[in-house]
Amino acid sequence: MKIPTLFAAVVLLAGSALADVPGLEVKGPYASVKTNKDGSREFFSRTRDMRTITKQTKSADGTLRLTTVYRLSKQGNPLTCDIFDGKGTRLFKSRYGYDPKPGLTFGKLVEEQMFDARVKRVNADRQEIPVRRFLYTYDAQGNRNAPIAITLVPGKDADDLYGPSALEFDPFDGQQPPASNRVNPRAKPLGGQ
């Protein structure tokens, strides 16, 4: 097992302050941009129902490198994500697991599993297996420790396969859309069902 040095401090939607995320510019409740030290930029957008976040990573010259699409729970936690290259080819799919037991880590991210979207890998029981897993633990104060990486592709380590796919910060820094733009929680599907 190898702990990836580039991604040792992943924080999933922790509600960080803007000052904690250098280069982040929130453009409103539905869009933000993060400029990185190398000149690359990450463009974040979310749907009006706040259930999908899309991140486009572009190089310093503006070339699209990656697109990551997160699907969120009602509470705003990512449940799954798909990662596409700059040409739109789906590379990876991820799913996230949260601690269901009441206590210090209740509701916190405990595992991230990444699957190769191009080659389905299965075990002896024909169950799909991830190419990489990140396990998250927490200290006594509830702060996340560096993730434990498990790579299931022979000869590869976690850095070879892609780092954690979890969001590293809240790209909207707690900005909520106006109440008039939110989905009506009492709305019913067409047909009144």
Protein backbone atom coordinates (compact mmCIF):
# COMPACT_ATOMS: atom_id res chain seq x y z
CA MET A 1 0.00 0.00 0.00
CA LYS A 2 1.19 3.47 -0.81
CA ILE A 3 -0.23 6.74 0.50
CA PRO A 4 -0.25 9.18 -2.42
CA THR A 5 1.80 12.22 -1.49
CA LEU A 6 -0.03 14.56 -3.87
CA PHE A 7 -3.40 13.84 -2.33
CA ALA A 8 -2.69 13.35 1.36
CA ALA A 9 -5.08 16.05 2.56
CA VAL A 10 -8.35 15.48 0.75
CA VAL A 11 -11.27 17.19 2.42
CA LEU A 12 -14.77 16.37 1.15
CA LEU A 13 -17.04 19.40 1.12
CA ALA A 14 -15.77 20.52 4.48
CA GLY A 15 -17.17 24.02 4.21
CA SER A 16 -13.72 25.60 4.13
CA ALA A 17 -13.41 29.36 4.07
CA LEU A 18 -12.36 31.02 0.83
CA ALA A 19 -9.05 32.01 2.41
CA ASP A 20 -8.26 28.31 2.87
CA VAL A 21 -8.51 27.63 -0.88
CA PRO A 22 -5.93 29.73 -2.74
CA GLY A 23 -7.08 30.80 -6.19
CA LEU A 24 -10.78 30.06 -5.62
CA GLU A 25 -13.18 32.66 -6.98
CA VAL A 26 -16.85 31.98 -6.30
CA LYS A 27 -18.95 33.45 -9.10
CA GLY A 28 -22.26 32.83 -7.32
CA PRO A 29 -24.29 29.90 -6.07
CA TYR A 30 -23.89 27.92 -9.32
CA ALA A 31 -20.34 28.59 -10.53
CA SER A 32 -16.77 29.04 -9.33
CA VAL A 33 -13.25 28.95 -10.73
CA LYS A 34 -10.03 27.86 -9.07
CA THR A 35 -6.75 28.99 -10.60
CA ASN A 36 -3.82 26.71 -9.73
CA LYS A 37 -0.15 27.67 -9.32
CA ASP A 38 0.73 26.09 -12.70
CA GLY A 39 -1.85 28.28 -14.47
CA SER A 40 -4.37 25.47 -14.95
CA ARG A 41 -7.95 26.22 -13.94
CA GLU A 42 -10.80 24.21 -12.48
CA PHE A 43 -14.29 25.36 -13.46
CA PHE A 44 -17.09 24.22 -11.14
CA SER A 45 -20.80 24.39 -11.87
CA ARG A 46 -23.83 22.84 -10.24
CA THR A 47 -27.41 22.26 -11.18
CA ARG A 48 -30.22 24.32 -9.73
CA ASP A 49 -31.42 21.36 -7.65
CA MET A 50 -27.87 21.14 -6.20
CA ARG A 51 -27.69 17.38 -6.91
CA THR A 52 -24.92 17.49 -9.57
CA ILE A 53 -21.55 19.25 -9.60
CA THR A 54 -19.41 19.32 -12.74
CA LYS A 55 -15.70 20.13 -12.59
CA GLN A 56 -13.78 20.87 -15.78
CA THR A 57 -10.01 20.99 -15.48
CA LYS A 58 -8.24 23.01 -18.18
CA SER A 59 -4.51 23.46 -18.74
CA ALA A 60 -2.90 26.91 -18.68
CA ASP A 61 -3.48 27.20 -22.44
CA GLY A 62 -7.21 26.47 -22.01
CA THR A 63 -7.18 22.86 -23.26
CA LEU A 64 -9.79 20.70 -21.54
CA ARG A 65 -7.96 17.91 -19.66
CA LEU A 66 -10.62 16.30 -17.45
CA THR A 67 -14.31 16.56 -16.68
CA THR A 68 -15.58 15.12 -13.42
CA VAL A 69 -19.33 14.84 -12.77
CA TYR A 70 -20.44 14.31 -9.15
CA ARG A 71 -23.91 13.14 -8.19
CA LEU A 72 -24.88 14.26 -4.69
CA SER A 73 -27.19 13.07 -1.93
CA LYS A 74 -29.92 15.35 -0.55
CA GLN A 75 -27.40 16.30 2.15
CA GLY A 76 -24.87 17.43 -0.48
CA ASN A 77 -22.45 14.50 -0.14
CA PRO A 78 -21.10 12.96 -3.35
CA LEU A 79 -22.47 9.47 -3.93
CA THR A 80 -20.85 8.74 -7.30
CA CYS A 81 -18.72 10.44 -9.91
CA ASP A 82 -17.64 9.87 -13.48
CA ILE A 83 -14.28 11.06 -14.80
CA PHE A 84 -13.84 11.84 -18.51
CA ASP A 85 -10.73 12.80 -20.46
CA GLY A 86 -10.58 15.96 -22.55
CA LYS A 87 -12.18 14.20 -25.52
CA GLY A 88 -15.17 12.97 -23.49
CA THR A 89 -14.05 9.36 -23.04
CA ARG A 90 -15.23 8.00 -19.70
CA LEU A 91 -12.11 6.83 -17.84
CA PHE A 92 -13.23 6.06 -14.31
CA LYS A 93 -16.34 5.81 -12.19
CA SER A 94 -16.24 6.21 -8.43
CA ARG A 95 -18.54 5.61 -5.52
CA TYR A 96 -18.31 6.89 -1.96
CA GLY A 97 -19.23 5.33 1.39
CA TYR A 98 -20.05 7.18 4.59
CA ASP A 99 -20.03 6.06 8.23
CA PRO A 100 -23.60 5.04 9.10
CA LYS A 101 -22.99 4.59 12.85
CA PRO A 102 -23.67 7.44 15.28
CA GLY A 103 -20.50 8.74 16.88
CA LEU A 104 -17.53 10.97 16.16
CA THR A 105 -17.31 10.05 12.46
CA PHE A 106 -21.05 9.63 11.74
CA GLY A 107 -21.81 10.69 8.18
CA LYS A 108 -18.15 11.22 7.26
CA LEU A 109 -16.51 9.74 4.19
CA VAL A 110 -14.89 6.40 5.05
CA GLU A 111 -14.23 4.85 1.63
CA GLU A 112 -13.85 5.81 -1.99
CA GLN A 113 -13.79 3.13 -4.67
CA MET A 114 -12.69 3.83 -8.24
CA PHE A 115 -13.53 1.51 -11.13
CA ASP A 116 -12.05 1.48 -14.63
CA ALA A 117 -14.88 2.50 -16.95
CA ARG A 118 -13.12 1.07 -20.02
CA VAL A 119 -12.21 -2.41 -18.73
CA LYS A 120 -14.54 -4.20 -16.33
CA ARG A 121 -12.53 -6.15 -13.77
CA VAL A 122 -14.33 -8.91 -11.90
CA ASN A 123 -13.50 -11.35 -9.12
CA ALA A 124 -14.14 -15.11 -9.13
CA ASP A 125 -17.81 -14.46 -8.27
CA ARG A 126 -18.15 -12.14 -11.32
CA GLN A 127 -18.53 -9.11 -9.02
CA GLU A 128 -16.96 -5.93 -10.37
CA ILE A 129 -13.89 -4.92 -8.36
CA PRO A 130 -12.35 -1.44 -8.07
CA VAL A 131 -8.93 -0.64 -9.50
CA ARG A 132 -8.22 1.52 -6.46
CA ARG A 133 -9.66 2.20 -3.02
CA PHE A 134 -9.03 4.99 -0.55
CA LEU A 135 -9.88 4.33 3.09
CA TYR A 136 -10.33 7.33 5.37
CA THR A 137 -9.77 7.37 9.11
CA TYR A 138 -10.21 10.17 11.62
CA ASP A 139 -8.36 11.29 14.72
CA ALA A 140 -9.97 11.72 18.16
CA GLN A 141 -11.12 15.25 17.22
CA GLY A 142 -12.83 14.02 14.05
CA ASN A 143 -10.18 15.40 11.66
CA ARG A 144 -9.42 13.27 8.63
CA ASN A 145 -6.05 11.53 8.50
CA ALA A 146 -4.17 10.95 5.25
CA PRO A 147 -6.01 8.30 3.22
CA ILE A 148 -4.85 4.72 2.97
CA ALA A 149 -4.54 3.74 -0.69
CA ILE A 150 -5.09 0.20 -1.94
CA THR A 151 -4.37 -0.44 -5.59
CA LEU A 152 -5.76 -3.59 -7.14
CA VAL A 153 -3.97 -3.41 -10.49
CA PRO A 154 -0.69 -5.37 -10.45
CA GLY A 155 2.37 -3.17 -10.92
CA LYS A 156 0.51 0.12 -10.40
CA ASP A 157 0.29 2.41 -7.40
CA ALA A 158 -2.43 4.94 -6.59
CA ASP A 159 -0.55 7.83 -8.25
CA ASP A 160 -0.41 5.81 -11.50
CA LEU A 161 -4.18 5.31 -11.53
CA TYR A 162 -5.40 8.79 -10.60
CA GLY A 163 -5.62 10.42 -7.21
CA PRO A 164 -8.69 10.58 -4.99
CA SER A 165 -11.76 11.62 -6.89
CA ALA A 166 -13.50 13.14 -3.85
CA LEU A 167 -13.94 16.90 -3.86
CA GLU A 168 -11.02 18.53 -2.06
CA PHE A 169 -12.99 21.57 -0.88
CA ASP A 170 -16.41 23.19 -1.14
CA PRO A 171 -16.20 24.96 -4.51
CA PHE A 172 -19.15 27.16 -3.61
CA ASP A 173 -17.97 27.95 -0.06
CA GLY A 174 -21.40 27.54 1.41
CA GLN A 175 -23.12 29.86 -1.09
CA GLN A 176 -26.72 28.78 -1.47
CA PRO A 177 -29.03 29.76 -4.31
CA PRO A 178 -31.89 32.12 -3.49
CA ALA A 179 -34.88 30.34 -1.95
CA SER A 180 -36.94 31.12 -5.05
CA ASN A 181 -34.54 29.03 -7.19
CA ARG A 182 -34.62 25.93 -5.01
CA VAL A 183 -36.64 22.90 -5.92
CA ASN A 184 -39.97 22.72 -4.10
CA PRO A 185 -39.62 19.83 -1.61
CA ARG A 186 -43.39 19.17 -1.88
CA ALA A 187 -43.34 19.01 -5.69
CA LYS A 188 -44.81 15.87 -7.26
CA PRO A 189 -43.89 14.21 -10.54
CA LEU A 190 -46.08 14.87 -13.55
CA GLY A 191 -49.29 12.87 -13.37
CA GLY A 192 -49.69 13.55 -9.61
CA GLN A 193 -48.05 10.32 -8.48
